[in-house]
Amino acid sequence: MTSFVLLAQMGHNEQLGWLSRKLLGVTLTSAEWVLWVLVILSVLSIALMLERTVYFATHRLPHSEELAVRLARGELEAVRTAVANHKGMEAAVLREALASVERGADAVEEVIAYTVARERPQYERYLSFLGTLGNNAPFIGLFGTVLGIIKAFNDLGQMNAKGASMQQTVMSGISEALVATAVGLAVAIPAVVAFNVFNRQLKTLTSRTNALGHALVGSLRAERSQGTPRAVTSGEAR
């Protein structure tokens, strides 16, 4: 009986084409390497999330609303002093815009637009990796599951077990294969959440930066239309 089964399996394999036999040989390898790939990607994503969290926290300007009010009042020297030691898009825009005040409101607008375009990619760094990982990690896990199921059914075809033994072989193989899908989802969900959170923070930061720029440009144009010098602050008087 055993010899008959082996002959039948050999005959079945011979019916497969050359490419099918080669692909079957590749897919019958263990799917554990897929899990290792997902684990490595998970470690990278966590590291990038922490790095981006620190970057966003340290490259923002506190009390930007108060600075916008000061800009509207024309207290430019006070704002220049307030942003002198800060990092980030908002501080860089204000420093370079204030340095171009003497060139007029139109020149300041160009400086603001250029500085925002220059600083924005620093905040977008690594976000594409998180977005790509969030979209594709489930597919990587599904690929591992498919490989595991193929191997489970191939092992089932290679054995002569019946009843409970056959059921145990199939169920254990499929359960191991489904682990890859679960791991893929576990990697993807945090990456998608982090990607959306950082994008939202970047949009908020860009809006605050533009608000500061509009406050400065509005102050300069109001001063020009009125034909009066801007208010001198205590810092400028010195």
C-alpha atoms as a PDB file:
ATOM      1  CA  MET A   1       0.000   0.000   0.000  1.00  0.00           C
ATOM      2  CA  THR A   2       2.791   2.410   0.899  1.00  0.00           C
ATOM      3  CA  SER A   3       4.571   1.722  -2.380  1.00  0.00           C
ATOM      4  CA  PHE A   4       1.367   2.419  -4.290  1.00  0.00           C
ATOM      5  CA  VAL A   5       0.932   5.803  -2.561  1.00  0.00           C
ATOM      6  CA  LEU A   6       4.518   6.816  -3.277  1.00  0.00           C
ATOM      7  CA  LEU A   7       4.155   5.856  -6.935  1.00  0.00           C
ATOM      8  CA  ALA A   8       0.943   7.867  -7.156  1.00  0.00           C
ATOM      9  CA  GLN A   9       2.655  10.924  -5.645  1.00  0.00           C
ATOM     10  CA  MET A  10       5.598  10.604  -8.020  1.00  0.00           C
ATOM     11  CA  GLY A  11       3.214  10.377 -10.928  1.00  0.00           C
ATOM     12  CA  HIS A  12       1.371  13.459  -9.736  1.00  0.00           C
ATOM     13  CA  ASN A  13       4.637  15.463  -9.456  1.00  0.00           C
ATOM     14  CA  GLU A  14       5.669  14.367 -12.936  1.00  0.00           C
ATOM     15  CA  GLN A  15       2.409  15.789 -14.296  1.00  0.00           C
ATOM     16  CA  LEU A  16       3.441  19.244 -13.118  1.00  0.00           C
ATOM     17  CA  GLY A  17       5.298  21.480 -15.524  1.00  0.00           C
ATOM     18  CA  TRP A  18       8.946  22.416 -15.013  1.00  0.00           C
ATOM     19  CA  LEU A  19       8.124  25.923 -13.749  1.00  0.00           C
ATOM     20  CA  SER A  20       5.407  24.595 -11.436  1.00  0.00           C
ATOM     21  CA  ARG A  21       7.815  22.081  -9.889  1.00  0.00           C
ATOM     22  CA  LYS A  22      10.430  24.800  -9.356  1.00  0.00           C
ATOM     23  CA  LEU A  23       7.947  27.183  -7.767  1.00  0.00           C
ATOM     24  CA  LEU A  24       6.535  24.412  -5.605  1.00  0.00           C
ATOM     25  CA  GLY A  25      10.034  23.592  -4.410  1.00  0.00           C
ATOM     26  CA  VAL A  26      10.554  27.226  -3.417  1.00  0.00           C
ATOM     27  CA  THR A  27       7.214  27.613  -1.633  1.00  0.00           C
ATOM     28  CA  LEU A  28       7.708  24.424   0.359  1.00  0.00           C
ATOM     29  CA  THR A  29      10.487  26.058   2.336  1.00  0.00           C
ATOM     30  CA  SER A  30       9.692  27.194   5.863  1.00  0.00           C
ATOM     31  CA  ALA A  31       7.797  30.489   6.183  1.00  0.00           C
ATOM     32  CA  GLU A  32       9.660  31.408   9.362  1.00  0.00           C
ATOM     33  CA  TRP A  33      11.879  33.800   7.414  1.00  0.00           C
ATOM     34  CA  VAL A  34       8.773  35.915   6.765  1.00  0.00           C
ATOM     35  CA  LEU A  35       8.280  36.251  10.520  1.00  0.00           C
ATOM     36  CA  TRP A  36      11.883  37.373  10.927  1.00  0.00           C
ATOM     37  CA  VAL A  37      11.395  39.990   8.204  1.00  0.00           C
ATOM     38  CA  LEU A  38       8.310  41.280  10.011  1.00  0.00           C
ATOM     39  CA  VAL A  39      10.140  41.373  13.340  1.00  0.00           C
ATOM     40  CA  ILE A  40      12.998  43.393  11.816  1.00  0.00           C
ATOM     41  CA  LEU A  41      10.532  45.792  10.186  1.00  0.00           C
ATOM     42  CA  SER A  42       8.713  46.151  13.500  1.00  0.00           C
ATOM     43  CA  VAL A  43      11.926  47.081  15.321  1.00  0.00           C
ATOM     44  CA  LEU A  44      12.751  49.648  12.623  1.00  0.00           C
ATOM     45  CA  SER A  45       9.282  51.175  12.757  1.00  0.00           C
ATOM     46  CA  ILE A  46       9.370  51.501  16.556  1.00  0.00           C
ATOM     47  CA  ALA A  47      12.795  53.160  16.372  1.00  0.00           C
ATOM     48  CA  LEU A  48      11.561  55.622  13.736  1.00  0.00           C
ATOM     49  CA  MET A  49       8.435  56.392  15.760  1.00  0.00           C
ATOM     50  CA  LEU A  50      10.558  57.272  18.785  1.00  0.00           C
ATOM     51  CA  GLU A  51      12.939  59.354  16.678  1.00  0.00           C
ATOM     52  CA  ARG A  52      10.088  61.291  15.041  1.00  0.00           C
ATOM     53  CA  THR A  53       8.393  61.830  18.401  1.00  0.00           C
ATOM     54  CA  VAL A  54      11.543  63.384  19.838  1.00  0.00           C
ATOM     55  CA  TYR A  55      12.113  65.463  16.704  1.00  0.00           C
ATOM     56  CA  PHE A  56       8.608  66.905  16.638  1.00  0.00           C
ATOM     57  CA  ALA A  57       8.754  67.634  20.373  1.00  0.00           C
ATOM     58  CA  THR A  58      12.087  69.481  20.168  1.00  0.00           C
ATOM     59  CA  HIS A  59      11.458  71.352  16.898  1.00  0.00           C
ATOM     60  CA  ARG A  60       8.405  73.365  17.759  1.00  0.00           C
ATOM     61  CA  LEU A  61       7.903  76.896  19.034  1.00  0.00           C
ATOM     62  CA  PRO A  62       5.994  77.279  22.321  1.00  0.00           C
ATOM     63  CA  HIS A  63       3.529  80.140  22.742  1.00  0.00           C
ATOM     64  CA  SER A  64       3.270  80.780  19.000  1.00  0.00           C
ATOM     65  CA  GLU A  65      -0.130  82.445  19.506  1.00  0.00           C
ATOM     66  CA  GLU A  66       1.448  85.044  21.796  1.00  0.00           C
ATOM     67  CA  LEU A  67       4.186  85.676  19.243  1.00  0.00           C
ATOM     68  CA  ALA A  68       1.587  86.152  16.514  1.00  0.00           C
ATOM     69  CA  VAL A  69      -0.062  88.877  18.623  1.00  0.00           C
ATOM     70  CA  ARG A  70       3.298  90.572  19.125  1.00  0.00           C
ATOM     71  CA  LEU A  71       3.976  90.468  15.408  1.00  0.00           C
ATOM     72  CA  ALA A  72       0.610  92.050  14.702  1.00  0.00           C
ATOM     73  CA  ARG A  73       1.493  94.835  17.155  1.00  0.00           C
ATOM     74  CA  GLY A  74       4.817  95.431  15.425  1.00  0.00           C
ATOM     75  CA  GLU A  75       7.001  94.235  18.324  1.00  0.00           C
ATOM     76  CA  LEU A  76       9.523  92.703  15.944  1.00  0.00           C
ATOM     77  CA  GLU A  77      12.593  92.945  18.131  1.00  0.00           C
ATOM     78  CA  ALA A  78      10.860  91.157  20.994  1.00  0.00           C
ATOM     79  CA  VAL A  79       9.864  88.336  18.651  1.00  0.00           C
ATOM     80  CA  ARG A  80      13.398  88.154  17.248  1.00  0.00           C
ATOM     81  CA  THR A  81      14.755  87.693  20.767  1.00  0.00           C
ATOM     82  CA  ALA A  82      12.110  85.098  21.643  1.00  0.00           C
ATOM     83  CA  VAL A  83      12.965  82.809  18.704  1.00  0.00           C
ATOM     84  CA  ALA A  84      16.730  83.215  18.845  1.00  0.00           C
ATOM     85  CA  ASN A  85      17.447  79.929  20.635  1.00  0.00           C
ATOM     86  CA  HIS A  86      14.633  77.770  19.251  1.00  0.00           C
ATOM     87  CA  LYS A  87      14.775  75.114  16.551  1.00  0.00           C
ATOM     88  CA  GLY A  88      12.179  74.146  14.006  1.00  0.00           C
ATOM     89  CA  MET A  89      10.131  75.470  11.127  1.00  0.00           C
ATOM     90  CA  GLU A  90       8.386  78.263  13.023  1.00  0.00           C
ATOM     91  CA  ALA A  91      11.570  79.693  14.511  1.00  0.00           C
ATOM     92  CA  ALA A  92      13.472  79.437  11.221  1.00  0.00           C
ATOM     93  CA  VAL A  93      10.694  81.194   9.312  1.00  0.00           C
ATOM     94  CA  LEU A  94      10.511  84.033  11.819  1.00  0.00           C
ATOM     95  CA  ARG A  95      14.293  84.518  11.975  1.00  0.00           C
ATOM     96  CA  GLU A  96      14.723  84.694   8.214  1.00  0.00           C
ATOM     97  CA  ALA A  97      11.575  86.733   7.681  1.00  0.00           C
ATOM     98  CA  LEU A  98      12.580  89.281  10.315  1.00  0.00           C
ATOM     99  CA  ALA A  99      16.010  89.532   8.726  1.00  0.00           C
ATOM    100  CA  SER A 100      14.293  90.523   5.452  1.00  0.00           C
ATOM    101  CA  VAL A 101      11.925  93.140   6.889  1.00  0.00           C
ATOM    102  CA  GLU A 102      13.808  96.055   5.325  1.00  0.00           C
ATOM    103  CA  ARG A 103      13.194  94.590   1.846  1.00  0.00           C
ATOM    104  CA  GLY A 104       9.438  94.956   2.156  1.00  0.00           C
ATOM    105  CA  ALA A 105       6.364  92.785   2.676  1.00  0.00           C
ATOM    106  CA  ASP A 106       6.529  91.080  -0.737  1.00  0.00           C
ATOM    107  CA  ALA A 107      10.114  89.969  -0.157  1.00  0.00           C
ATOM    108  CA  VAL A 108       9.183  88.720   3.314  1.00  0.00           C
ATOM    109  CA  GLU A 109       6.389  86.618   1.803  1.00  0.00           C
ATOM    110  CA  GLU A 110       8.849  84.997  -0.596  1.00  0.00           C
ATOM    111  CA  VAL A 111      11.271  84.297   2.236  1.00  0.00           C
ATOM    112  CA  ILE A 112       8.504  82.681   4.297  1.00  0.00           C
ATOM    113  CA  ALA A 113       7.409  80.436   1.422  1.00  0.00           C
ATOM    114  CA  TYR A 114      10.989  79.408   0.685  1.00  0.00           C
ATOM    115  CA  THR A 115      11.790  78.648   4.332  1.00  0.00           C
ATOM    116  CA  VAL A 116       8.641  76.543   4.803  1.00  0.00           C
ATOM    117  CA  ALA A 117       9.470  74.559   1.657  1.00  0.00           C
ATOM    118  CA  ARG A 118      13.006  74.026   2.929  1.00  0.00           C
ATOM    119  CA  GLU A 119      12.090  73.002   6.471  1.00  0.00           C
ATOM    120  CA  ARG A 120       9.066  70.789   5.723  1.00  0.00           C
ATOM    121  CA  PRO A 121      11.066  67.791   4.349  1.00  0.00           C
ATOM    122  CA  GLN A 122      12.909  67.594   7.677  1.00  0.00           C
ATOM    123  CA  TYR A 123       9.604  66.772   9.372  1.00  0.00           C
ATOM    124  CA  GLU A 124       8.493  64.395   6.600  1.00  0.00           C
ATOM    125  CA  ARG A 125      11.634  62.277   6.902  1.00  0.00           C
ATOM    126  CA  TYR A 126      10.884  58.555   7.463  1.00  0.00           C
ATOM    127  CA  LEU A 127       7.123  59.120   7.295  1.00  0.00           C
ATOM    128  CA  SER A 128       6.996  57.471   3.874  1.00  0.00           C
ATOM    129  CA  PHE A 129       8.591  54.362   5.403  1.00  0.00           C
ATOM    130  CA  LEU A 130       5.909  54.206   8.086  1.00  0.00           C
ATOM    131  CA  GLY A 131       3.153  54.694   5.522  1.00  0.00           C
ATOM    132  CA  THR A 132       4.564  52.041   3.191  1.00  0.00           C
ATOM    133  CA  LEU A 133       5.034  49.602   6.058  1.00  0.00           C
ATOM    134  CA  GLY A 134       1.500  50.171   7.284  1.00  0.00           C
ATOM    135  CA  ASN A 135       0.086  49.467   3.839  1.00  0.00           C
ATOM    136  CA  ASN A 136       2.210  46.422   3.002  1.00  0.00           C
ATOM    137  CA  ALA A 137       2.967  44.589   6.266  1.00  0.00           C
ATOM    138  CA  PRO A 138      -0.397  42.732   6.142  1.00  0.00           C
ATOM    139  CA  PHE A 139       0.457  41.498   2.658  1.00  0.00           C
ATOM    140  CA  ILE A 140       3.864  40.285   3.842  1.00  0.00           C
ATOM    141  CA  GLY A 141       2.129  38.395   6.649  1.00  0.00           C
ATOM    142  CA  LEU A 142      -0.428  37.002   4.199  1.00  0.00           C
ATOM    143  CA  PHE A 143       2.413  35.807   2.001  1.00  0.00           C
ATOM    144  CA  GLY A 144       3.860  33.913   4.950  1.00  0.00           C
ATOM    145  CA  THR A 145       0.439  32.423   5.668  1.00  0.00           C
ATOM    146  CA  VAL A 146       0.067  31.209   2.091  1.00  0.00           C
ATOM    147  CA  LEU A 147       3.499  29.599   2.222  1.00  0.00           C
ATOM    148  CA  GLY A 148       2.607  27.899   5.502  1.00  0.00           C
ATOM    149  CA  ILE A 149      -0.680  26.540   4.158  1.00  0.00           C
ATOM    150  CA  ILE A 150       1.007  25.210   1.022  1.00  0.00           C
ATOM    151  CA  LYS A 151       3.569  23.420   3.161  1.00  0.00           C
ATOM    152  CA  ALA A 152       0.873  22.053   5.502  1.00  0.00           C
ATOM    153  CA  PHE A 153      -1.127  20.511   2.682  1.00  0.00           C
ATOM    154  CA  ASN A 154       1.994  19.172   1.020  1.00  0.00           C
ATOM    155  CA  ASP A 155       3.015  17.485   4.294  1.00  0.00           C
ATOM    156  CA  LEU A 156      -0.492  16.074   4.510  1.00  0.00           C
ATOM    157  CA  GLY A 157      -0.160  14.608   1.052  1.00  0.00           C
ATOM    158  CA  GLN A 158       3.156  13.014   1.935  1.00  0.00           C
ATOM    159  CA  MET A 159       1.791  11.065   4.920  1.00  0.00           C
ATOM    160  CA  ASN A 160      -0.578   8.131   5.266  1.00  0.00           C
ATOM    161  CA  ALA A 161      -2.265   9.301   8.437  1.00  0.00           C
ATOM    162  CA  LYS A 162      -6.013   9.100   8.811  1.00  0.00           C
ATOM    163  CA  GLY A 163      -8.639  10.428  11.159  1.00  0.00           C
ATOM    164  CA  ALA A 164      -7.433  12.384  14.186  1.00  0.00           C
ATOM    165  CA  SER A 165      -3.801  12.249  13.123  1.00  0.00           C
ATOM    166  CA  MET A 166      -4.603  13.804   9.745  1.00  0.00           C
ATOM    167  CA  GLN A 167      -6.751  16.493  11.351  1.00  0.00           C
ATOM    168  CA  GLN A 168      -4.009  17.350  13.829  1.00  0.00           C
ATOM    169  CA  THR A 169      -1.455  17.674  11.044  1.00  0.00           C
ATOM    170  CA  VAL A 170      -3.629  20.027   9.008  1.00  0.00           C
ATOM    171  CA  MET A 171      -4.792  22.161  11.930  1.00  0.00           C
ATOM    172  CA  SER A 172      -1.333  22.595  13.443  1.00  0.00           C
ATOM    173  CA  GLY A 173       0.121  23.574  10.073  1.00  0.00           C
ATOM    174  CA  ILE A 174      -2.618  26.088   9.341  1.00  0.00           C
ATOM    175  CA  SER A 175      -2.467  27.604  12.835  1.00  0.00           C
ATOM    176  CA  GLU A 176       1.277  28.138  12.471  1.00  0.00           C
ATOM    177  CA  ALA A 177       0.694  29.704   9.069  1.00  0.00           C
ATOM    178  CA  LEU A 178      -1.904  32.138  10.411  1.00  0.00           C
ATOM    179  CA  VAL A 179       0.633  33.501  12.889  1.00  0.00           C
ATOM    180  CA  ALA A 180       2.285  35.342   9.991  1.00  0.00           C
ATOM    181  CA  THR A 181      -0.939  37.204   9.200  1.00  0.00           C
ATOM    182  CA  ALA A 182      -1.389  38.158  12.859  1.00  0.00           C
ATOM    183  CA  VAL A 183       2.194  39.427  13.072  1.00  0.00           C
ATOM    184  CA  GLY A 184       1.746  41.400   9.844  1.00  0.00           C
ATOM    185  CA  LEU A 185      -1.307  43.146  11.273  1.00  0.00           C
ATOM    186  CA  ALA A 186       0.505  43.797  14.564  1.00  0.00           C
ATOM    187  CA  VAL A 187       3.296  45.520  12.637  1.00  0.00           C
ATOM    188  CA  ALA A 188       1.000  47.459  10.301  1.00  0.00           C
ATOM    189  CA  ILE A 189      -1.490  48.953  12.766  1.00  0.00           C
ATOM    190  CA  PRO A 190       1.014  50.960  14.896  1.00  0.00           C
ATOM    191  CA  ALA A 191       2.784  52.142  11.734  1.00  0.00           C
ATOM    192  CA  VAL A 192      -0.468  53.450  10.228  1.00  0.00           C
ATOM    193  CA  VAL A 193      -1.459  55.170  13.481  1.00  0.00           C
ATOM    194  CA  ALA A 194       1.966  56.817  13.814  1.00  0.00           C
ATOM    195  CA  PHE A 195       1.930  57.906  10.165  1.00  0.00           C
ATOM    196  CA  ASN A 196      -1.448  59.608  10.588  1.00  0.00           C
ATOM    197  CA  VAL A 197      -0.476  61.235  13.903  1.00  0.00           C
ATOM    198  CA  PHE A 198       2.775  62.683  12.536  1.00  0.00           C
ATOM    199  CA  ASN A 199       1.062  63.923   9.384  1.00  0.00           C
ATOM    200  CA  ARG A 200      -1.555  65.640  11.502  1.00  0.00           C
ATOM    201  CA  GLN A 201       1.123  67.274  13.655  1.00  0.00           C
ATOM    202  CA  LEU A 202       2.935  68.452  10.533  1.00  0.00           C
ATOM    203  CA  LYS A 203      -0.234  70.023   9.127  1.00  0.00           C
ATOM    204  CA  THR A 204      -0.845  71.800  12.434  1.00  0.00           C
ATOM    205  CA  LEU A 205       2.752  73.015  12.572  1.00  0.00           C
ATOM    206  CA  THR A 206       2.583  74.296   8.997  1.00  0.00           C
ATOM    207  CA  SER A 207      -0.668  76.130   9.736  1.00  0.00           C
ATOM    208  CA  ARG A 208       0.858  77.782  12.808  1.00  0.00           C
ATOM    209  CA  THR A 209       3.919  78.794  10.781  1.00  0.00           C
ATOM    210  CA  ASN A 210       1.776  80.322   8.051  1.00  0.00           C
ATOM    211  CA  ALA A 211      -0.253  82.170  10.692  1.00  0.00           C
ATOM    212  CA  LEU A 212       2.926  83.713  12.078  1.00  0.00           C
ATOM    213  CA  GLY A 213       4.022  84.682   8.589  1.00  0.00           C
ATOM    214  CA  HIS A 214       0.660  86.290   7.812  1.00  0.00           C
ATOM    215  CA  ALA A 215       0.806  88.227  11.083  1.00  0.00           C
ATOM    216  CA  LEU A 216       4.227  89.618  10.191  1.00  0.00           C
ATOM    217  CA  VAL A 217       3.327  90.477   6.599  1.00  0.00           C
ATOM    218  CA  GLY A 218       0.045  92.049   7.720  1.00  0.00           C
ATOM    219  CA  SER A 219       1.891  94.207  10.228  1.00  0.00           C
ATOM    220  CA  LEU A 220       4.371  95.384   7.591  1.00  0.00           C
ATOM    221  CA  ARG A 221       1.645  96.222   5.085  1.00  0.00           C
ATOM    222  CA  ALA A 222      -0.438  98.033   7.680  1.00  0.00           C
ATOM    223  CA  GLU A 223       2.585 100.104   8.646  1.00  0.00           C
ATOM    224  CA  ARG A 224       3.278 100.903   5.006  1.00  0.00           C
ATOM    225  CA  SER A 225      -0.320 101.869   4.239  1.00  0.00           C
ATOM    226  CA  GLN A 226      -0.504 104.142   7.258  1.00  0.00           C
ATOM    227  CA  GLY A 227       2.861 105.652   6.452  1.00  0.00           C
ATOM    228  CA  THR A 228       3.918 105.575  10.113  1.00  0.00           C
ATOM    229  CA  PRO A 229       6.973 103.871  11.631  1.00  0.00           C
ATOM    230  CA  ARG A 230       6.306 100.731  13.598  1.00  0.00           C
ATOM    231  CA  ALA A 231       6.212 100.849  17.381  1.00  0.00           C
ATOM    232  CA  VAL A 232       9.611 100.749  18.992  1.00  0.00           C
ATOM    233  CA  THR A 233       9.941  98.155  21.724  1.00  0.00           C
ATOM    234  CA  SER A 234      12.067  98.466  24.803  1.00  0.00           C
ATOM    235  CA  GLY A 235      14.590  96.071  23.281  1.00  0.00           C
ATOM    236  CA  GLU A 236      14.927  98.193  20.143  1.00  0.00           C
ATOM    237  CA  ALA A 237      15.243 101.397  22.104  1.00  0.00           C
ATOM    238  CA  ARG A 238      18.414 100.076  23.661  1.00  0.00           C
END
